[in-house]
C-alpha cells in the first residue's frame, strides 16, 4: 500500500520558537503560512509541519498523490481507495473521506498507542 509523501505534523505552542529550534537542526522553511499558524520545514528527505492551535496532538501525515517534495504524481492510489482497503482490513476511522467525491479528501485513523495518522490528499 503506497500512502504517499510522509511528514510528521507537530502541534506546537509557539510557532516562531519551534521554527527557530528546527532551523538550528538544519531544517529550512519550505511552505505554509505563519500568519495562519502553520509552516512546513525540510531537511534533505525529512519533512516536518509545525501547526500552532490547529490540533491537540502530534500526527503522522501521509499525502497520496504527492512525492516527498510536494510535487504531484502521475499515478497514485486515491485516498478513498486506501480508505476502502483499510475498512476491508477491519480498520476503524476517527474521520472519513466522502467516498462519493473525487479530488482532495482525507481520513484519520489512530494507532494502538493513540497516535493519530492523517492521510490527506491534496490533488
PDB file of N, CA and C in Angstrom:
ATOM      1  N   UNK A   1       0.857  -1.176   0.000  1.00  0.00           N
ATOM      2  CA  UNK A   1       0.000   0.000   0.000  1.00  0.00           C
ATOM      3  C   UNK A   1       0.900   1.235   0.000  1.00  0.00           C
ATOM      4  N   UNK A   2       0.768   2.064  -1.005  1.00  0.00           N
ATOM      5  CA  UNK A   2       1.551   3.301  -1.114  1.00  0.00           C
ATOM      6  C   UNK A   2       0.722   4.453  -0.562  1.00  0.00           C
ATOM      7  N   UNK A   3       1.193   5.066   0.518  1.00  0.00           N
ATOM      8  CA  UNK A   3       0.452   6.128   1.195  1.00  0.00           C
ATOM      9  C   UNK A   3       0.848   7.530   0.746  1.00  0.00           C
ATOM     10  N   UNK A   4       1.914   7.671  -0.031  1.00  0.00           N
ATOM     11  CA  UNK A   4       2.334   8.986  -0.494  1.00  0.00           C
ATOM     12  C   UNK A   4       3.419   9.588   0.369  1.00  0.00           C
ATOM     13  N   UNK A   5       3.634  10.876   0.189  1.00  0.00           N
ATOM     14  CA  UNK A   5       4.682  11.601   0.913  1.00  0.00           C
ATOM     15  C   UNK A   5       4.425  11.520   2.415  1.00  0.00           C
ATOM     16  N   UNK A   6       5.504  11.458   3.189  1.00  0.00           N
ATOM     17  CA  UNK A   6       5.399  11.340   4.637  1.00  0.00           C
ATOM     18  C   UNK A   6       5.966  12.579   5.319  1.00  0.00           C
ATOM     19  N   UNK A   7       5.289  13.008   6.379  1.00  0.00           N
ATOM     20  CA  UNK A   7       5.807  14.068   7.245  1.00  0.00           C
ATOM     21  C   UNK A   7       5.274  13.850   8.651  1.00  0.00           C
ATOM     22  N   UNK A   8       5.931  14.486   9.590  1.00  0.00           N
ATOM     23  CA  UNK A   8       5.449  14.497  10.963  1.00  0.00           C
ATOM     24  C   UNK A   8       4.844  15.869  11.192  1.00  0.00           C
ATOM     25  N   UNK A   9       3.610  15.914  11.639  1.00  0.00           N
ATOM     26  CA  UNK A   9       2.908  17.166  11.919  1.00  0.00           C
ATOM     27  C   UNK A   9       2.947  17.397  13.425  1.00  0.00           C
ATOM     28  N   UNK A  10       3.605  18.463  13.831  1.00  0.00           N
ATOM     29  CA  UNK A  10       3.778  18.750  15.250  1.00  0.00           C
ATOM     30  C   UNK A  10       2.820  19.832  15.712  1.00  0.00           C
ATOM     31  N   UNK A  11       2.104  19.568  16.783  1.00  0.00           N
ATOM     32  CA  UNK A  11       1.242  20.562  17.424  1.00  0.00           C
ATOM     33  C   UNK A  11       2.154  21.397  18.330  1.00  0.00           C
ATOM     34  N   UNK A  12       2.433  22.637  17.940  1.00  0.00           N
ATOM     35  CA  UNK A  12       3.394  23.470  18.676  1.00  0.00           C
ATOM     36  C   UNK A  12       2.679  24.569  19.448  1.00  0.00           C
ATOM     37  N   UNK A  13       3.313  25.017  20.529  1.00  0.00           N
ATOM     38  CA  UNK A  13       2.765  26.096  21.347  1.00  0.00           C
ATOM     39  C   UNK A  13       3.169  27.461  20.825  1.00  0.00           C
ATOM     40  N   UNK A  14       4.387  27.567  20.268  1.00  0.00           N
ATOM     41  CA  UNK A  14       4.916  28.838  19.778  1.00  0.00           C
ATOM     42  C   UNK A  14       5.588  28.582  18.438  1.00  0.00           C
ATOM     43  N   UNK A  15       4.918  28.967  17.352  1.00  0.00           N
ATOM     44  CA  UNK A  15       5.389  28.680  16.002  1.00  0.00           C
ATOM     45  C   UNK A  15       6.783  29.241  15.759  1.00  0.00           C
ATOM     46  N   UNK A  16       7.022  30.486  16.148  1.00  0.00           N
ATOM     47  CA  UNK A  16       8.327  31.114  15.908  1.00  0.00           C
ATOM     48  C   UNK A  16       9.435  30.402  16.680  1.00  0.00           C
ATOM     49  N   UNK A  17       9.169  30.044  17.929  1.00  0.00           N
ATOM     50  CA  UNK A  17      10.185  29.358  18.732  1.00  0.00           C
ATOM     51  C   UNK A  17      10.484  27.977  18.156  1.00  0.00           C
ATOM     52  N   UNK A  18       9.455  27.269  17.714  1.00  0.00           N
ATOM     53  CA  UNK A  18       9.658  25.945  17.128  1.00  0.00           C
ATOM     54  C   UNK A  18      10.413  26.040  15.812  1.00  0.00           C
ATOM     55  N   UNK A  19      10.061  27.011  14.996  1.00  0.00           N
ATOM     56  CA  UNK A  19      10.772  27.212  13.727  1.00  0.00           C
ATOM     57  C   UNK A  19      12.248  27.474  14.000  1.00  0.00           C
ATOM     58  N   UNK A  20      12.568  28.354  14.934  1.00  0.00           N
ATOM     59  CA  UNK A  20      13.962  28.673  15.264  1.00  0.00           C
ATOM     60  C   UNK A  20      14.703  27.426  15.747  1.00  0.00           C
ATOM     61  N   UNK A  21      14.053  26.608  16.577  1.00  0.00           N
ATOM     62  CA  UNK A  21      14.661  25.381  17.082  1.00  0.00           C
ATOM     63  C   UNK A  21      15.020  24.446  15.938  1.00  0.00           C
ATOM     64  N   UNK A  22      14.068  24.162  15.045  1.00  0.00           N
ATOM     65  CA  UNK A  22      14.313  23.219  13.960  1.00  0.00           C
ATOM     66  C   UNK A  22      15.273  23.772  12.918  1.00  0.00           C
ATOM     67  N   UNK A  23      15.320  25.080  12.742  1.00  0.00           N
ATOM     68  CA  UNK A  23      16.317  25.668  11.842  1.00  0.00           C
ATOM     69  C   UNK A  23      17.728  25.397  12.360  1.00  0.00           C
ATOM     70  N   UNK A  24      17.907  25.377  13.670  1.00  0.00           N
ATOM     71  CA  UNK A  24      19.223  25.048  14.248  1.00  0.00           C
ATOM     72  C   UNK A  24      19.617  23.608  13.953  1.00  0.00           C
ATOM     73  N   UNK A  25      18.636  22.751  13.699  1.00  0.00           N
ATOM     74  CA  UNK A  25      18.899  21.357  13.333  1.00  0.00           C
ATOM     75  C   UNK A  25      19.072  21.183  11.825  1.00  0.00           C
ATOM     76  N   UNK A  26      19.059  22.294  11.081  1.00  0.00           N
ATOM     77  CA  UNK A  26      19.275  22.233   9.644  1.00  0.00           C
ATOM     78  C   UNK A  26      18.028  22.233   8.796  1.00  0.00           C
ATOM     79  N   UNK A  27      16.858  22.373   9.398  1.00  0.00           N
ATOM     80  CA  UNK A  27      15.615  22.456   8.629  1.00  0.00           C
ATOM     81  C   UNK A  27      15.448  23.866   8.071  1.00  0.00           C
ATOM     82  N   UNK A  28      14.829  23.965   6.906  1.00  0.00           N
ATOM     83  CA  UNK A  28      14.556  25.259   6.285  1.00  0.00           C
ATOM     84  C   UNK A  28      13.082  25.326   5.906  1.00  0.00           C
ATOM     85  N   UNK A  29      12.504  26.496   6.030  1.00  0.00           N
ATOM     86  CA  UNK A  29      11.097  26.694   5.677  1.00  0.00           C
ATOM     87  C   UNK A  29      10.899  26.378   4.201  1.00  0.00           C
ATOM     88  N   UNK A  30       9.843  25.600   3.907  1.00  0.00           N
ATOM     89  CA  UNK A  30       9.577  25.229   2.518  1.00  0.00           C
ATOM     90  C   UNK A  30       8.125  25.451   2.116  1.00  0.00           C
ATOM     91  N   UNK A  31       7.321  25.997   3.015  1.00  0.00           N
ATOM     92  CA  UNK A  31       5.929  26.256   2.686  1.00  0.00           C
ATOM     93  C   UNK A  31       5.146  26.604   3.927  1.00  0.00           C
ATOM     94  N   UNK A  32       3.877  26.868   3.697  1.00  0.00           N
ATOM     95  CA  UNK A  32       2.998  27.208   4.805  1.00  0.00           C
ATOM     96  C   UNK A  32       2.726  28.690   4.886  1.00  0.00           C
ATOM     97  N   UNK A  33       2.105  29.099   5.987  1.00  0.00           N
ATOM     98  CA  UNK A  33       1.737  30.492   6.204  1.00  0.00           C
ATOM     99  C   UNK A  33       1.759  30.764   7.707  1.00  0.00           C
ATOM    100  N   UNK A  34       2.799  31.441   8.152  1.00  0.00           N
ATOM    101  CA  UNK A  34       2.955  31.713   9.587  1.00  0.00           C
ATOM    102  C   UNK A  34       1.768  32.499  10.134  1.00  0.00           C
ATOM    103  N   UNK A  35       1.182  33.390   9.342  1.00  0.00           N
ATOM    104  CA  UNK A  35       0.024  34.164   9.808  1.00  0.00           C
ATOM    105  C   UNK A  35      -1.183  33.277  10.056  1.00  0.00           C
ATOM    106  N   UNK A  36      -1.268  32.157   9.352  1.00  0.00           N
ATOM    107  CA  UNK A  36      -2.341  31.189   9.575  1.00  0.00           C
ATOM    108  C   UNK A  36      -1.963  30.167  10.644  1.00  0.00           C
ATOM    109  N   UNK A  37      -0.716  30.204  11.127  1.00  0.00           N
ATOM    110  CA  UNK A  37      -0.301  29.323  12.209  1.00  0.00           C
ATOM    111  C   UNK A  37       0.320  28.014  11.794  1.00  0.00           C
ATOM    112  N   UNK A  38       0.841  27.934  10.560  1.00  0.00           N
ATOM    113  CA  UNK A  38       1.475  26.682  10.147  1.00  0.00           C
ATOM    114  C   UNK A  38       2.612  26.923   9.172  1.00  0.00           C
ATOM    115  N   UNK A  39       3.637  26.065   9.271  1.00  0.00           N
ATOM    116  CA  UNK A  39       4.797  26.104   8.375  1.00  0.00           C
ATOM    117  C   UNK A  39       5.250  24.682   8.087  1.00  0.00           C
ATOM    118  N   UNK A  40       5.811  24.477   6.909  1.00  0.00           N
ATOM    119  CA  UNK A  40       6.446  23.209   6.551  1.00  0.00           C
ATOM    120  C   UNK A  40       7.946  23.464   6.505  1.00  0.00           C
ATOM    121  N   UNK A  41       8.714  22.534   7.065  1.00  0.00           N
ATOM    122  CA  UNK A  41      10.166  22.631   7.095  1.00  0.00           C
ATOM    123  C   UNK A  41      10.758  21.355   6.513  1.00  0.00           C
ATOM    124  N   UNK A  42      11.903  21.516   5.808  1.00  0.00           N
ATOM    125  CA  UNK A  42      12.568  20.365   5.191  1.00  0.00           C
ATOM    126  C   UNK A  42      14.046  20.347   5.555  1.00  0.00           C
ATOM    127  N   UNK A  43      14.550  19.120   5.659  1.00  0.00           N
ATOM    128  CA  UNK A  43      15.973  18.881   5.821  1.00  0.00           C
ATOM    129  C   UNK A  43      16.252  17.603   5.052  1.00  0.00           C
ATOM    130  N   UNK A  44      16.838  17.755   3.861  1.00  0.00           N
ATOM    131  CA  UNK A  44      17.047  16.632   2.945  1.00  0.00           C
ATOM    132  C   UNK A  44      15.693  15.963   2.692  1.00  0.00           C
ATOM    133  N   UNK A  45      15.559  14.670   2.958  1.00  0.00           N
ATOM    134  CA  UNK A  45      14.301  13.973   2.714  1.00  0.00           C
ATOM    135  C   UNK A  45      13.319  14.024   3.864  1.00  0.00           C
ATOM    136  N   UNK A  46      13.675  14.721   4.941  1.00  0.00           N
ATOM    137  CA  UNK A  46      12.799  14.801   6.118  1.00  0.00           C
ATOM    138  C   UNK A  46      11.900  16.029   6.035  1.00  0.00           C
ATOM    139  N   UNK A  47      10.628  15.833   6.346  1.00  0.00           N
ATOM    140  CA  UNK A  47       9.664  16.933   6.314  1.00  0.00           C
ATOM    141  C   UNK A  47       8.916  16.949   7.641  1.00  0.00           C
ATOM    142  N   UNK A  48       8.839  18.147   8.243  1.00  0.00           N
ATOM    143  CA  UNK A  48       8.012  18.324   9.425  1.00  0.00           C
ATOM    144  C   UNK A  48       7.096  19.513   9.194  1.00  0.00           C
ATOM    145  N   UNK A  49       5.896  19.401   9.732  1.00  0.00           N
ATOM    146  CA  UNK A  49       4.959  20.519   9.714  1.00  0.00           C
ATOM    147  C   UNK A  49       4.809  21.026  11.133  1.00  0.00           C
ATOM    148  N   UNK A  50       4.809  22.336  11.276  1.00  0.00           N
ATOM    149  CA  UNK A  50       4.586  22.970  12.576  1.00  0.00           C
ATOM    150  C   UNK A  50       3.211  23.616  12.534  1.00  0.00           C
ATOM    151  N   UNK A  51       2.342  23.260  13.476  1.00  0.00           N
ATOM    152  CA  UNK A  51       0.961  23.727  13.468  1.00  0.00           C
ATOM    153  C   UNK A  51       0.611  24.264  14.852  1.00  0.00           C
ATOM    154  N   UNK A  52       0.365  25.562  14.919  1.00  0.00           N
ATOM    155  CA  UNK A  52       0.013  26.184  16.197  1.00  0.00           C
ATOM    156  C   UNK A  52      -1.496  26.371  16.276  1.00  0.00           C
ATOM    157  N   UNK A  53      -2.119  25.737  17.292  1.00  0.00           N
ATOM    158  CA  UNK A  53      -3.545  25.908  17.530  1.00  0.00           C
ATOM    159  C   UNK A  53      -4.461  25.198  16.561  1.00  0.00           C
ATOM    160  N   UNK A  54      -3.952  24.246  15.793  1.00  0.00           N
ATOM    161  CA  UNK A  54      -4.787  23.565  14.799  1.00  0.00           C
ATOM    162  C   UNK A  54      -5.243  22.182  15.237  1.00  0.00           C
ATOM    163  N   UNK A  55      -4.460  21.509  16.055  1.00  0.00           N
ATOM    164  CA  UNK A  55      -4.850  20.212  16.592  1.00  0.00           C
ATOM    165  C   UNK A  55      -4.115  19.974  17.898  1.00  0.00           C
ATOM    166  N   UNK A  56      -4.597  18.993  18.661  1.00  0.00           N
ATOM    167  CA  UNK A  56      -4.111  18.772  20.018  1.00  0.00           C
ATOM    168  C   UNK A  56      -2.850  17.928  20.108  1.00  0.00           C
ATOM    169  N   UNK A  57      -2.689  16.963  19.209  1.00  0.00           N
ATOM    170  CA  UNK A  57      -1.590  16.003  19.309  1.00  0.00           C
ATOM    171  C   UNK A  57      -0.732  16.022  18.059  1.00  0.00           C
ATOM    172  N   UNK A  58       0.503  15.570  18.201  1.00  0.00           N
ATOM    173  CA  UNK A  58       1.357  15.341  17.045  1.00  0.00           C
ATOM    174  C   UNK A  58       0.750  14.229  16.207  1.00  0.00           C
ATOM    175  N   UNK A  59       0.985  14.283  14.882  1.00  0.00           N
ATOM    176  CA  UNK A  59       0.412  13.286  13.977  1.00  0.00           C
ATOM    177  C   UNK A  59       1.437  12.839  12.955  1.00  0.00           C
ATOM    178  N   UNK A  60       1.276  11.612  12.517  1.00  0.00           N
ATOM    179  CA  UNK A  60       1.955  11.148  11.318  1.00  0.00           C
ATOM    180  C   UNK A  60       1.055  11.553  10.153  1.00  0.00           C
ATOM    181  N   UNK A  61       1.644  12.079   9.091  1.00  0.00           N
ATOM    182  CA  UNK A  61       0.847  12.535   7.958  1.00  0.00           C
ATOM    183  C   UNK A  61       1.371  11.916   6.664  1.00  0.00           C
ATOM    184  N   UNK A  62       0.442  11.414   5.854  1.00  0.00           N
ATOM    185  CA  UNK A  62       0.766  10.883   4.537  1.00  0.00           C
ATOM    186  C   UNK A  62      -0.064  11.649   3.510  1.00  0.00           C
ATOM    187  N   UNK A  63       0.546  11.934   2.364  1.00  0.00           N
ATOM    188  CA  UNK A  63      -0.135  12.686   1.308  1.00  0.00           C
ATOM    189  C   UNK A  63      -0.145  11.893   0.002  1.00  0.00           C
ATOM    190  N   UNK A  64      -1.222  11.101  -0.233  1.00  0.00           N
ATOM    191  CA  UNK A  64      -1.331  10.406  -1.522  1.00  0.00           C
ATOM    192  C   UNK A  64      -1.334  11.429  -2.655  1.00  0.00           C
ATOM    193  N   UNK A  65      -0.672  11.080  -3.738  1.00  0.00           N
ATOM    194  CA  UNK A  65      -0.648  11.955  -4.909  1.00  0.00           C
ATOM    195  C   UNK A  65       0.515  12.915  -4.941  1.00  0.00           C
ATOM    196  N   UNK A  66       1.322  12.948  -3.878  1.00  0.00           N
ATOM    197  CA  UNK A  66       2.500  13.829  -3.831  1.00  0.00           C
ATOM    198  C   UNK A  66       3.755  13.000  -3.648  1.00  0.00           C
ATOM    199  N   UNK A  67       4.872  13.497  -4.236  1.00  0.00           N
ATOM    200  CA  UNK A  67       6.164  12.933  -3.883  1.00  0.00           C
ATOM    201  C   UNK A  67       6.672  13.661  -2.640  1.00  0.00           C
ATOM    202  N   UNK A  68       7.847  13.333  -2.175  1.00  0.00           N
ATOM    203  CA  UNK A  68       8.350  13.888  -0.923  1.00  0.00           C
ATOM    204  C   UNK A  68       8.632  15.398  -1.008  1.00  0.00           C
ATOM    205  N   UNK A  69       8.616  15.958  -2.230  1.00  0.00           N
ATOM    206  CA  UNK A  69       8.800  17.400  -2.415  1.00  0.00           C
ATOM    207  C   UNK A  69       7.491  18.109  -2.743  1.00  0.00           C
ATOM    208  N   UNK A  70       6.370  17.470  -2.439  1.00  0.00           N
ATOM    209  CA  UNK A  70       5.021  18.016  -2.654  1.00  0.00           C
ATOM    210  C   UNK A  70       4.722  18.281  -4.127  1.00  0.00           C
ATOM    211  N   UNK A  71       5.342  17.486  -4.996  1.00  0.00           N
ATOM    212  CA  UNK A  71       5.034  17.569  -6.426  1.00  0.00           C
ATOM    213  C   UNK A  71       4.027  16.479  -6.766  1.00  0.00           C
ATOM    214  N   UNK A  72       3.013  16.801  -7.582  1.00  0.00           N
ATOM    215  CA  UNK A  72       2.001  15.803  -7.939  1.00  0.00           C
ATOM    216  C   UNK A  72       2.601  14.603  -8.673  1.00  0.00           C
ATOM    217  N   UNK A  73       2.084  13.425  -8.356  1.00  0.00           N
ATOM    218  CA  UNK A  73       2.492  12.195  -9.028  1.00  0.00           C
ATOM    219  C   UNK A  73       1.556  11.905 -10.189  1.00  0.00           C
ATOM    220  N   UNK A  74       2.084  11.268 -11.226  1.00  0.00           N
ATOM    221  CA  UNK A  74       1.255  10.892 -12.370  1.00  0.00           C
ATOM    222  C   UNK A  74       0.241   9.811 -11.997  1.00  0.00           C
ATOM    223  N   UNK A  75       0.658   8.876 -11.163  1.00  0.00           N
ATOM    224  CA  UNK A  75      -0.225   7.778 -10.757  1.00  0.00           C
ATOM    225  C   UNK A  75      -0.096   7.566  -9.254  1.00  0.00           C
ATOM    226  N   UNK A  76      -1.219   7.328  -8.604  1.00  0.00           N
ATOM    227  CA  UNK A  76      -1.222   7.076  -7.166  1.00  0.00           C
ATOM    228  C   UNK A  76      -2.562   6.462  -6.787  1.00  0.00           C
ATOM    229  N   UNK A  77      -2.618   5.859  -5.577  1.00  0.00           N
ATOM    230  CA  UNK A  77      -3.875   5.309  -5.081  1.00  0.00           C
ATOM    231  C   UNK A  77      -4.649   6.422  -4.388  1.00  0.00           C
ATOM    232  N   UNK A  78      -5.847   6.668  -4.838  1.00  0.00           N
ATOM    233  CA  UNK A  78      -6.706   7.708  -4.277  1.00  0.00           C
ATOM    234  C   UNK A  78      -7.011   7.415  -2.811  1.00  0.00           C
ATOM    235  N   UNK A  79      -7.139   8.472  -2.032  1.00  0.00           N
ATOM    236  CA  UNK A  79      -7.394   8.345  -0.600  1.00  0.00           C
ATOM    237  C   UNK A  79      -8.657   7.527  -0.318  1.00  0.00           C
ATOM    238  N   UNK A  80      -9.669   7.638  -1.162  1.00  0.00           N
ATOM    239  CA  UNK A  80     -10.891   6.871  -0.958  1.00  0.00           C
ATOM    240  C   UNK A  80     -10.659   5.378  -1.175  1.00  0.00           C
ATOM    241  N   UNK A  81      -9.787   5.025  -2.120  1.00  0.00           N
ATOM    242  CA  UNK A  81      -9.443   3.611  -2.336  1.00  0.00           C
ATOM    243  C   UNK A  81      -8.633   3.072  -1.165  1.00  0.00           C
ATOM    244  N   UNK A  82      -7.718   3.884  -0.643  1.00  0.00           N
ATOM    245  CA  UNK A  82      -6.972   3.482   0.554  1.00  0.00           C
ATOM    246  C   UNK A  82      -7.927   3.232   1.713  1.00  0.00           C
ATOM    247  N   UNK A  83      -8.880   4.135   1.877  1.00  0.00           N
ATOM    248  CA  UNK A  83      -9.863   4.013   2.959  1.00  0.00           C
ATOM    249  C   UNK A  83     -10.673   2.729   2.812  1.00  0.00           C
ATOM    250  N   UNK A  84     -11.131   2.437   1.614  1.00  0.00           N
ATOM    251  CA  UNK A  84     -11.907   1.223   1.357  1.00  0.00           C
ATOM    252  C   UNK A  84     -11.092  -0.022   1.692  1.00  0.00           C
ATOM    253  N   UNK A  85      -9.831  -0.027   1.278  1.00  0.00           N
ATOM    254  CA  UNK A  85      -8.972  -1.177   1.559  1.00  0.00           C
ATOM    255  C   UNK A  85      -8.764  -1.345   3.063  1.00  0.00           C
ATOM    256  N   UNK A  86      -8.519  -0.239   3.768  1.00  0.00           N
ATOM    257  CA  UNK A  86      -8.317  -0.319   5.219  1.00  0.00           C
ATOM    258  C   UNK A  86      -9.590  -0.760   5.942  1.00  0.00           C
ATOM    259  N   UNK A  87     -10.743  -0.291   5.466  1.00  0.00           N
ATOM    260  CA  UNK A  87     -12.006  -0.742   6.053  1.00  0.00           C
ATOM    261  C   UNK A  87     -12.172  -2.245   5.884  1.00  0.00           C
ATOM    262  N   UNK A  88     -11.813  -2.759   4.698  1.00  0.00           N
ATOM    263  CA  UNK A  88     -11.947  -4.202   4.460  1.00  0.00           C
ATOM    264  C   UNK A  88     -10.990  -5.002   5.333  1.00  0.00           C
ATOM    265  N   UNK A  89      -9.924  -4.349   5.817  1.00  0.00           N
ATOM    266  CA  UNK A  89      -8.984  -4.990   6.737  1.00  0.00           C
ATOM    267  C   UNK A  89      -9.398  -4.808   8.192  1.00  0.00           C
ATOM    268  N   UNK A  90     -10.582  -4.206   8.431  1.00  0.00           N
ATOM    269  CA  UNK A  90     -11.109  -4.061   9.779  1.00  0.00           C
ATOM    270  C   UNK A  90     -10.667  -2.812  10.524  1.00  0.00           C
ATOM    271  N   UNK A  91     -10.040  -1.869   9.825  1.00  0.00           N
ATOM    272  CA  UNK A  91      -9.573  -0.631  10.459  1.00  0.00           C
ATOM    273  C   UNK A  91     -10.772   0.245  10.817  1.00  0.00           C
ATOM    274  N   UNK A  92     -10.703   0.927  11.960  1.00  0.00           N
ATOM    275  CA  UNK A  92     -11.735   1.894  12.335  1.00  0.00           C
ATOM    276  C   UNK A  92     -11.181   3.297  12.122  1.00  0.00           C
ATOM    277  N   UNK A  93     -12.081   4.241  11.894  1.00  0.00           N
ATOM    278  CA  UNK A  93     -11.697   5.589  11.499  1.00  0.00           C
ATOM    279  C   UNK A  93     -12.200   6.624  12.493  1.00  0.00           C
ATOM    280  N   UNK A  94     -11.369   7.615  12.739  1.00  0.00           N
ATOM    281  CA  UNK A  94     -11.778   8.761  13.554  1.00  0.00           C
ATOM    282  C   UNK A  94     -12.535   9.763  12.684  1.00  0.00           C
ATOM    283  N   UNK A  95     -12.100   9.910  11.446  1.00  0.00           N
ATOM    284  CA  UNK A  95     -12.834  10.690  10.443  1.00  0.00           C
ATOM    285  C   UNK A  95     -12.615  10.015   9.099  1.00  0.00           C
ATOM    286  N   UNK A  96     -13.558  10.222   8.179  1.00  0.00           N
ATOM    287  CA  UNK A  96     -13.509   9.534   6.891  1.00  0.00           C
ATOM    288  C   UNK A  96     -13.632  10.497   5.731  1.00  0.00           C
ATOM    289  N   UNK A  97     -13.044  10.087   4.601  1.00  0.00           N
ATOM    290  CA  UNK A  97     -13.221  10.800   3.342  1.00  0.00           C
ATOM    291  C   UNK A  97     -14.599  10.453   2.788  1.00  0.00           C
ATOM    292  N   UNK A  98     -15.228  11.416   2.144  1.00  0.00           N
ATOM    293  CA  UNK A  98     -16.512  11.180   1.491  1.00  0.00           C
ATOM    294  C   UNK A  98     -16.252  10.383   0.221  1.00  0.00           C
ATOM    295  N   UNK A  99     -16.705   9.143   0.207  1.00  0.00           N
ATOM    296  CA  UNK A  99     -16.415   8.251  -0.908  1.00  0.00           C
ATOM    297  C   UNK A  99     -17.210   8.578  -2.169  1.00  0.00           C
ATOM    298  N   UNK A 100     -18.121   9.539  -2.114  1.00  0.00           N
ATOM    299  CA  UNK A 100     -18.884   9.928  -3.297  1.00  0.00           C
ATOM    300  C   UNK A 100     -18.215  11.083  -4.048  1.00  0.00           C
ATOM    301  N   UNK A 101     -17.085  11.567  -3.548  1.00  0.00           N
ATOM    302  CA  UNK A 101     -16.399  12.703  -4.157  1.00  0.00           C
ATOM    303  C   UNK A 101     -15.123  12.250  -4.853  1.00  0.00           C
ATOM    304  N   UNK A 102     -14.460  13.208  -5.489  1.00  0.00           N
ATOM    305  CA  UNK A 102     -13.132  12.974  -6.065  1.00  0.00           C
ATOM    306  C   UNK A 102     -12.262  14.174  -5.709  1.00  0.00           C
ATOM    307  N   UNK A 103     -10.963  14.045  -5.931  1.00  0.00           N
ATOM    308  CA  UNK A 103     -10.045  15.139  -5.618  1.00  0.00           C
ATOM    309  C   UNK A 103      -9.642  15.139  -4.156  1.00  0.00           C
ATOM    310  N   UNK A 104      -9.323  16.323  -3.626  1.00  0.00           N
ATOM    311  CA  UNK A 104      -8.829  16.417  -2.256  1.00  0.00           C
ATOM    312  C   UNK A 104      -9.805  15.825  -1.232  1.00  0.00           C
ATOM    313  N   UNK A 105      -9.246  15.069  -0.283  1.00  0.00           N
ATOM    314  CA  UNK A 105     -10.021  14.460   0.801  1.00  0.00           C
ATOM    315  C   UNK A 105      -9.039  13.884   1.807  1.00  0.00           C
ATOM    316  N   UNK A 106      -9.552  13.527   2.973  1.00  0.00           N
ATOM    317  CA  UNK A 106      -8.670  12.973   3.993  1.00  0.00           C
ATOM    318  C   UNK A 106      -9.438  12.047   4.923  1.00  0.00           C
ATOM    319  N   UNK A 107      -8.675  11.234   5.644  1.00  0.00           N
ATOM    320  CA  UNK A 107      -9.220  10.452   6.741  1.00  0.00           C
ATOM    321  C   UNK A 107      -8.194  10.397   7.853  1.00  0.00           C
ATOM    322  N   UNK A 108      -8.661  10.067   9.054  1.00  0.00           N
ATOM    323  CA  UNK A 108      -7.783   9.917  10.213  1.00  0.00           C
ATOM    324  C   UNK A 108      -8.070   8.572  10.862  1.00  0.00           C
ATOM    325  N   UNK A 109      -6.997   7.851  11.123  1.00  0.00           N
ATOM    326  CA  UNK A 109      -7.050   6.631  11.918  1.00  0.00           C
ATOM    327  C   UNK A 109      -6.149   6.850  13.131  1.00  0.00           C
ATOM    328  N   UNK A 110      -6.282   6.007  14.136  1.00  0.00           N
ATOM    329  CA  UNK A 110      -5.476   6.155  15.353  1.00  0.00           C
ATOM    330  C   UNK A 110      -4.786   4.832  15.625  1.00  0.00           C
ATOM    331  N   UNK A 111      -3.464   4.896  15.857  1.00  0.00           N
ATOM    332  CA  UNK A 111      -2.722   3.662  16.113  1.00  0.00           C
ATOM    333  C   UNK A 111      -3.007   3.141  17.522  1.00  0.00           C
ATOM    334  N   UNK A 112      -2.542   1.948  17.863  1.00  0.00           N
ATOM    335  CA  UNK A 112      -2.864   1.350  19.166  1.00  0.00           C
ATOM    336  C   UNK A 112      -2.399   2.166  20.372  1.00  0.00           C
ATOM    337  N   UNK A 113      -1.453   3.084  20.155  1.00  0.00           N
ATOM    338  CA  UNK A 113      -0.963   3.912  21.255  1.00  0.00           C
ATOM    339  C   UNK A 113      -1.616   5.287  21.307  1.00  0.00           C
ATOM    340  N   UNK A 114      -2.630   5.504  20.468  1.00  0.00           N
ATOM    341  CA  UNK A 114      -3.353   6.766  20.486  1.00  0.00           C
ATOM    342  C   UNK A 114      -2.795   7.834  19.571  1.00  0.00           C
ATOM    343  N   UNK A 115      -1.820   7.480  18.729  1.00  0.00           N
ATOM    344  CA  UNK A 115      -1.239   8.463  17.819  1.00  0.00           C
ATOM    345  C   UNK A 115      -2.096   8.595  16.562  1.00  0.00           C
ATOM    346  N   UNK A 116      -2.552   9.811  16.256  1.00  0.00           N
ATOM    347  CA  UNK A 116      -3.338   9.994  15.035  1.00  0.00           C
ATOM    348  C   UNK A 116      -2.477   9.844  13.794  1.00  0.00           C
ATOM    349  N   UNK A 117      -3.063   9.253  12.753  1.00  0.00           N
ATOM    350  CA  UNK A 117      -2.433   9.112  11.454  1.00  0.00           C
ATOM    351  C   UNK A 117      -3.378   9.760  10.442  1.00  0.00           C
ATOM    352  N   UNK A 118      -2.934  10.861   9.860  1.00  0.00           N
ATOM    353  CA  UNK A 118      -3.722  11.605   8.885  1.00  0.00           C
ATOM    354  C   UNK A 118      -3.287  11.204   7.483  1.00  0.00           C
ATOM    355  N   UNK A 119      -4.228  10.804   6.657  1.00  0.00           N
ATOM    356  CA  UNK A 119      -3.977  10.547   5.247  1.00  0.00           C
ATOM    357  C   UNK A 119      -4.736  11.629   4.502  1.00  0.00           C
ATOM    358  N   UNK A 120      -3.981  12.576   3.941  1.00  0.00           N
ATOM    359  CA  UNK A 120      -4.515  13.854   3.459  1.00  0.00           C
ATOM    360  C   UNK A 120      -4.108  14.077   2.008  1.00  0.00           C
ATOM    361  N   UNK A 121      -5.042  13.857   1.095  1.00  0.00           N
ATOM    362  CA  UNK A 121      -4.800  14.011  -0.328  1.00  0.00           C
ATOM    363  C   UNK A 121      -5.146  15.424  -0.767  1.00  0.00           C
ATOM    364  N   UNK A 122      -4.214  16.091  -1.435  1.00  0.00           N
ATOM    365  CA  UNK A 122      -4.413  17.483  -1.876  1.00  0.00           C
ATOM    366  C   UNK A 122      -4.694  17.608  -3.360  1.00  0.00           C
ATOM    367  N   UNK A 123      -4.591  16.508  -4.110  1.00  0.00           N
ATOM    368  CA  UNK A 123      -4.799  16.552  -5.562  1.00  0.00           C
ATOM    369  C   UNK A 123      -6.026  15.762  -5.951  1.00  0.00           C
TER     370      UNK A 123
END
